[in-house]
């Protein structure tokens, strides 16, 4: 799931074709209007190429972005834009903003 670029990531992460293919574009590219929401559905085969045993029993940390970008380059990633309310709670400041009382 992709979301329109939030203020903290104006350059975006990816593009999206009219056919629903997620596009691995250069960061900040003009046609890079979306940010990865971290909501996703993966097939088990997606992780098979990473070299870890099934289920990752040792809990080895693995960067997701390189796997996603490689799969995009192979045309294996589809997506859509999430139309609902979404917030990236990636920093203590953003969490505080989210938890602040609404004064409107």
N, C-alpha and C. Protein backbone atom coordinates (compact mmCIF):
# COMPACT_ATOMS: atom_id res chain seq x y z
N UNK A 1 0.84 -1.17 0.00
CA UNK A 1 0.00 0.00 0.00
C UNK A 1 0.89 1.24 0.00
N UNK A 2 0.53 2.14 -0.87
CA UNK A 2 1.22 3.41 -0.96
C UNK A 2 0.30 4.52 -0.47
N UNK A 3 0.91 5.61 -0.03
CA UNK A 3 0.15 6.79 0.39
C UNK A 3 0.75 8.00 -0.32
N UNK A 4 -0.06 9.05 -0.53
CA UNK A 4 0.51 10.27 -1.08
C UNK A 4 1.64 10.76 -0.15
N UNK A 5 2.66 11.36 -0.72
CA UNK A 5 3.82 11.75 0.07
C UNK A 5 3.45 12.67 1.23
N UNK A 6 3.85 12.28 2.45
CA UNK A 6 3.61 13.13 3.61
C UNK A 6 4.67 14.23 3.68
N UNK A 7 4.46 15.20 4.54
CA UNK A 7 5.37 16.34 4.67
C UNK A 7 6.80 15.91 5.01
N UNK A 8 6.97 14.84 5.79
CA UNK A 8 8.32 14.43 6.19
C UNK A 8 9.05 13.64 5.09
N UNK A 9 8.36 13.30 4.00
CA UNK A 9 8.99 12.56 2.90
C UNK A 9 8.49 13.11 1.56
N UNK A 10 8.77 14.39 1.29
CA UNK A 10 8.22 15.02 0.08
C UNK A 10 8.74 14.42 -1.22
N UNK A 11 9.92 13.79 -1.18
CA UNK A 11 10.49 13.19 -2.39
C UNK A 11 9.90 11.84 -2.72
N UNK A 12 9.16 11.26 -1.78
CA UNK A 12 8.51 9.98 -2.01
C UNK A 12 9.45 8.80 -2.09
N UNK A 13 8.87 7.64 -2.29
CA UNK A 13 9.61 6.38 -2.39
C UNK A 13 9.45 5.73 -3.75
N UNK A 14 8.21 5.73 -4.27
CA UNK A 14 7.91 4.94 -5.46
C UNK A 14 6.90 5.64 -6.35
N UNK A 15 6.78 5.10 -7.55
CA UNK A 15 5.73 5.50 -8.47
C UNK A 15 4.76 4.35 -8.61
N UNK A 16 3.70 4.58 -9.37
CA UNK A 16 2.69 3.55 -9.58
C UNK A 16 2.19 3.68 -11.01
N UNK A 17 2.29 2.59 -11.76
CA UNK A 17 1.81 2.62 -13.14
C UNK A 17 0.29 2.54 -13.18
N UNK A 18 -0.28 2.87 -14.32
CA UNK A 18 -1.74 2.78 -14.47
C UNK A 18 -2.22 1.33 -14.36
N UNK A 19 -1.30 0.37 -14.60
CA UNK A 19 -1.64 -1.05 -14.48
C UNK A 19 -1.47 -1.57 -13.06
N UNK A 20 -1.05 -0.70 -12.12
CA UNK A 20 -0.90 -1.12 -10.73
C UNK A 20 0.46 -1.65 -10.36
N UNK A 21 1.46 -1.54 -11.24
CA UNK A 21 2.83 -1.96 -10.91
C UNK A 21 3.50 -0.86 -10.10
N UNK A 22 4.11 -1.24 -8.98
CA UNK A 22 4.87 -0.27 -8.20
C UNK A 22 6.21 -0.08 -8.90
N UNK A 23 6.60 1.18 -9.07
CA UNK A 23 7.78 1.52 -9.85
C UNK A 23 8.93 1.96 -8.97
N UNK A 24 10.08 1.37 -9.18
CA UNK A 24 11.30 1.70 -8.45
C UNK A 24 11.94 2.91 -9.14
N UNK A 25 11.56 4.10 -8.69
CA UNK A 25 12.07 5.33 -9.29
C UNK A 25 13.16 5.93 -8.41
N UNK A 26 13.96 6.79 -9.00
CA UNK A 26 14.99 7.48 -8.23
C UNK A 26 14.33 8.35 -7.17
N UNK A 27 14.88 8.31 -5.97
CA UNK A 27 14.34 9.11 -4.87
C UNK A 27 14.24 10.56 -5.30
N UNK A 28 13.08 11.15 -5.10
CA UNK A 28 12.88 12.55 -5.45
C UNK A 28 12.52 12.77 -6.91
N UNK A 29 12.35 11.69 -7.68
CA UNK A 29 11.97 11.84 -9.08
C UNK A 29 10.61 12.51 -9.17
N UNK A 30 10.41 13.27 -10.22
CA UNK A 30 9.16 14.01 -10.38
C UNK A 30 7.96 13.07 -10.33
N UNK A 31 8.11 11.90 -10.88
CA UNK A 31 7.01 10.93 -10.92
C UNK A 31 7.05 9.98 -9.73
N UNK A 32 7.57 10.43 -8.60
CA UNK A 32 7.70 9.61 -7.39
C UNK A 32 6.75 10.16 -6.32
N UNK A 33 5.45 10.10 -6.59
CA UNK A 33 4.50 10.79 -5.72
C UNK A 33 4.01 10.00 -4.50
N UNK A 34 4.55 8.80 -4.31
CA UNK A 34 4.01 7.98 -3.23
C UNK A 34 5.09 7.51 -2.25
N UNK A 35 4.63 7.28 -1.02
CA UNK A 35 5.46 6.77 0.05
C UNK A 35 4.94 5.39 0.45
N UNK A 36 5.84 4.47 0.75
CA UNK A 36 5.46 3.14 1.20
C UNK A 36 4.86 3.26 2.60
N UNK A 37 3.67 2.74 2.78
CA UNK A 37 2.94 2.88 4.04
C UNK A 37 3.37 1.86 5.09
N UNK A 38 4.10 0.86 4.72
CA UNK A 38 4.50 -0.32 5.50
C UNK A 38 3.38 -1.34 5.62
N UNK A 39 2.21 -1.04 5.05
CA UNK A 39 1.14 -2.05 4.99
C UNK A 39 1.36 -2.85 3.71
N UNK A 40 1.47 -4.17 3.85
CA UNK A 40 1.76 -4.99 2.67
C UNK A 40 1.33 -6.43 2.91
N UNK A 41 1.18 -7.13 1.83
CA UNK A 41 0.90 -8.56 1.85
C UNK A 41 1.99 -9.22 1.01
N UNK A 42 2.73 -10.15 1.60
CA UNK A 42 3.86 -10.79 0.93
C UNK A 42 3.61 -12.27 0.73
N UNK A 43 4.10 -12.78 -0.37
CA UNK A 43 4.11 -14.22 -0.60
C UNK A 43 5.39 -14.78 0.02
N UNK A 44 5.33 -16.00 0.49
CA UNK A 44 6.49 -16.63 1.11
C UNK A 44 7.68 -16.64 0.15
N UNK A 45 7.43 -16.82 -1.13
CA UNK A 45 8.51 -16.88 -2.12
C UNK A 45 9.30 -15.58 -2.19
N UNK A 46 8.68 -14.46 -1.82
CA UNK A 46 9.38 -13.17 -1.85
C UNK A 46 10.63 -13.22 -0.98
N UNK A 47 10.56 -13.89 0.14
CA UNK A 47 11.69 -13.95 1.08
C UNK A 47 12.65 -15.10 0.81
N UNK A 48 12.31 -15.98 -0.11
CA UNK A 48 13.16 -17.15 -0.39
C UNK A 48 14.53 -16.74 -0.92
N UNK A 49 14.60 -15.65 -1.65
CA UNK A 49 15.86 -15.22 -2.26
C UNK A 49 16.81 -14.56 -1.28
N UNK A 50 16.38 -14.31 -0.06
CA UNK A 50 17.24 -13.58 0.88
C UNK A 50 18.27 -14.46 1.57
N UNK A 51 18.16 -15.78 1.42
CA UNK A 51 19.16 -16.68 1.98
C UNK A 51 18.96 -17.06 3.43
N UNK A 52 17.88 -16.63 4.05
CA UNK A 52 17.62 -16.99 5.44
C UNK A 52 16.73 -18.23 5.48
N UNK A 53 16.85 -19.03 6.53
CA UNK A 53 15.97 -20.19 6.64
C UNK A 53 14.52 -19.75 6.82
N UNK A 54 13.57 -20.57 6.37
CA UNK A 54 12.16 -20.21 6.51
C UNK A 54 11.79 -19.83 7.93
N UNK A 55 11.06 -18.75 8.07
CA UNK A 55 10.65 -18.28 9.38
C UNK A 55 11.70 -17.47 10.11
N UNK A 56 12.92 -17.40 9.56
CA UNK A 56 14.00 -16.63 10.18
C UNK A 56 14.11 -16.93 11.68
N UNK A 57 14.36 -18.18 12.04
CA UNK A 57 14.34 -18.58 13.46
C UNK A 57 15.37 -17.85 14.32
N UNK A 58 16.44 -17.36 13.72
CA UNK A 58 17.46 -16.64 14.50
C UNK A 58 17.12 -15.16 14.65
N UNK A 59 16.07 -14.70 13.97
CA UNK A 59 15.67 -13.30 14.07
C UNK A 59 16.68 -12.35 13.45
N UNK A 60 17.32 -12.76 12.36
CA UNK A 60 18.32 -11.94 11.69
C UNK A 60 17.65 -10.71 11.07
N UNK A 61 18.21 -9.53 11.34
CA UNK A 61 17.68 -8.29 10.76
C UNK A 61 17.95 -8.29 9.26
N UNK A 62 16.99 -7.85 8.49
CA UNK A 62 17.10 -7.85 7.05
C UNK A 62 16.44 -6.58 6.51
N UNK A 63 17.17 -5.85 5.69
CA UNK A 63 16.61 -4.64 5.09
C UNK A 63 15.58 -5.03 4.04
N UNK A 64 14.37 -4.49 4.15
CA UNK A 64 13.29 -4.81 3.25
C UNK A 64 13.40 -4.06 1.92
N UNK A 65 13.84 -2.81 1.98
CA UNK A 65 13.85 -1.97 0.77
C UNK A 65 14.62 -2.58 -0.40
N UNK A 66 15.82 -3.12 -0.20
CA UNK A 66 16.52 -3.72 -1.35
C UNK A 66 15.76 -4.91 -1.97
N UNK A 67 15.10 -5.71 -1.14
CA UNK A 67 14.31 -6.83 -1.65
C UNK A 67 13.12 -6.31 -2.47
N UNK A 68 12.44 -5.30 -1.93
CA UNK A 68 11.30 -4.72 -2.64
C UNK A 68 11.73 -4.10 -3.97
N UNK A 69 12.81 -3.32 -3.94
CA UNK A 69 13.26 -2.64 -5.16
C UNK A 69 13.67 -3.65 -6.24
N UNK A 70 14.35 -4.72 -5.84
CA UNK A 70 14.74 -5.75 -6.81
C UNK A 70 13.50 -6.43 -7.40
N UNK A 71 12.51 -6.71 -6.56
CA UNK A 71 11.28 -7.33 -7.05
C UNK A 71 10.52 -6.37 -7.97
N UNK A 72 10.55 -5.08 -7.67
CA UNK A 72 9.92 -4.09 -8.55
C UNK A 72 10.59 -4.08 -9.91
N UNK A 73 11.92 -4.16 -9.90
CA UNK A 73 12.66 -4.16 -11.16
C UNK A 73 12.32 -5.39 -12.01
N UNK A 74 11.87 -6.46 -11.36
CA UNK A 74 11.44 -7.66 -12.08
C UNK A 74 9.94 -7.63 -12.41
N UNK A 75 9.27 -6.54 -12.05
CA UNK A 75 7.84 -6.41 -12.32
C UNK A 75 6.97 -7.27 -11.44
N UNK A 76 7.46 -7.58 -10.22
CA UNK A 76 6.74 -8.50 -9.34
C UNK A 76 5.99 -7.84 -8.19
N UNK A 77 5.93 -6.51 -8.20
CA UNK A 77 5.28 -5.82 -7.09
C UNK A 77 4.11 -4.99 -7.62
N UNK A 78 2.94 -5.30 -7.12
CA UNK A 78 1.77 -4.50 -7.47
C UNK A 78 1.36 -3.72 -6.23
N UNK A 79 0.59 -2.68 -6.45
CA UNK A 79 0.17 -1.88 -5.31
C UNK A 79 -1.02 -1.02 -5.64
N UNK A 80 -1.44 -0.32 -4.64
CA UNK A 80 -2.52 0.65 -4.80
C UNK A 80 -2.33 1.74 -3.77
N UNK A 81 -3.04 2.83 -3.96
CA UNK A 81 -2.94 3.96 -3.04
C UNK A 81 -3.99 3.77 -1.94
N UNK A 82 -3.55 3.84 -0.70
CA UNK A 82 -4.44 3.73 0.44
C UNK A 82 -5.22 5.04 0.58
N UNK A 83 -6.56 4.98 0.55
CA UNK A 83 -7.34 6.21 0.56
C UNK A 83 -7.68 6.74 1.95
N UNK A 84 -7.38 5.97 2.99
CA UNK A 84 -7.78 6.36 4.34
C UNK A 84 -6.77 7.25 5.04
N UNK A 85 -7.08 7.53 6.28
CA UNK A 85 -6.18 8.33 7.12
C UNK A 85 -4.97 7.48 7.47
N UNK A 86 -3.79 8.07 7.34
CA UNK A 86 -2.54 7.34 7.59
C UNK A 86 -1.54 8.29 8.24
N UNK A 87 -0.82 7.79 9.22
CA UNK A 87 0.23 8.57 9.87
C UNK A 87 1.44 7.69 10.06
N UNK A 88 2.60 8.20 9.71
CA UNK A 88 3.86 7.51 9.98
C UNK A 88 4.30 7.95 11.38
N UNK A 89 4.30 7.01 12.30
CA UNK A 89 4.67 7.32 13.68
C UNK A 89 6.14 6.95 13.89
N UNK A 90 6.99 7.35 12.95
CA UNK A 90 8.39 6.95 12.96
C UNK A 90 9.30 7.72 13.88
N UNK A 91 8.80 8.78 14.53
CA UNK A 91 9.64 9.54 15.46
C UNK A 91 8.81 9.87 16.70
N UNK A 92 9.48 10.14 17.82
CA UNK A 92 8.73 10.55 19.02
C UNK A 92 7.92 11.83 18.78
N UNK A 93 8.44 12.72 17.96
CA UNK A 93 7.73 13.97 17.68
C UNK A 93 6.41 13.71 16.95
N UNK A 94 6.45 12.83 15.95
CA UNK A 94 5.22 12.52 15.21
C UNK A 94 4.22 11.78 16.08
N UNK A 95 4.70 10.94 16.98
CA UNK A 95 3.81 10.26 17.91
C UNK A 95 3.14 11.28 18.83
N UNK A 96 3.91 12.25 19.32
CA UNK A 96 3.35 13.29 20.19
C UNK A 96 2.30 14.11 19.44
N UNK A 97 2.56 14.42 18.18
CA UNK A 97 1.57 15.16 17.39
C UNK A 97 0.29 14.34 17.24
N UNK A 98 0.43 13.07 17.02
CA UNK A 98 -0.72 12.20 16.83
C UNK A 98 -1.53 12.10 18.12
N UNK A 99 -0.85 12.08 19.26
CA UNK A 99 -1.52 11.94 20.56
C UNK A 99 -2.00 13.26 21.13
N UNK A 100 -1.62 14.38 20.54
CA UNK A 100 -2.03 15.69 21.06
C UNK A 100 -3.54 15.84 20.94
N UNK A 101 -4.15 16.49 21.92
CA UNK A 101 -5.60 16.69 21.83
C UNK A 101 -5.95 17.57 20.63
N UNK A 102 -7.05 17.23 20.01
CA UNK A 102 -7.53 18.00 18.87
C UNK A 102 -8.22 19.26 19.39
N UNK A 103 -7.70 20.42 19.02
CA UNK A 103 -8.23 21.68 19.56
C UNK A 103 -9.16 22.38 18.56
N UNK A 104 -9.56 21.69 17.52
CA UNK A 104 -10.46 22.33 16.55
C UNK A 104 -11.88 22.25 16.97
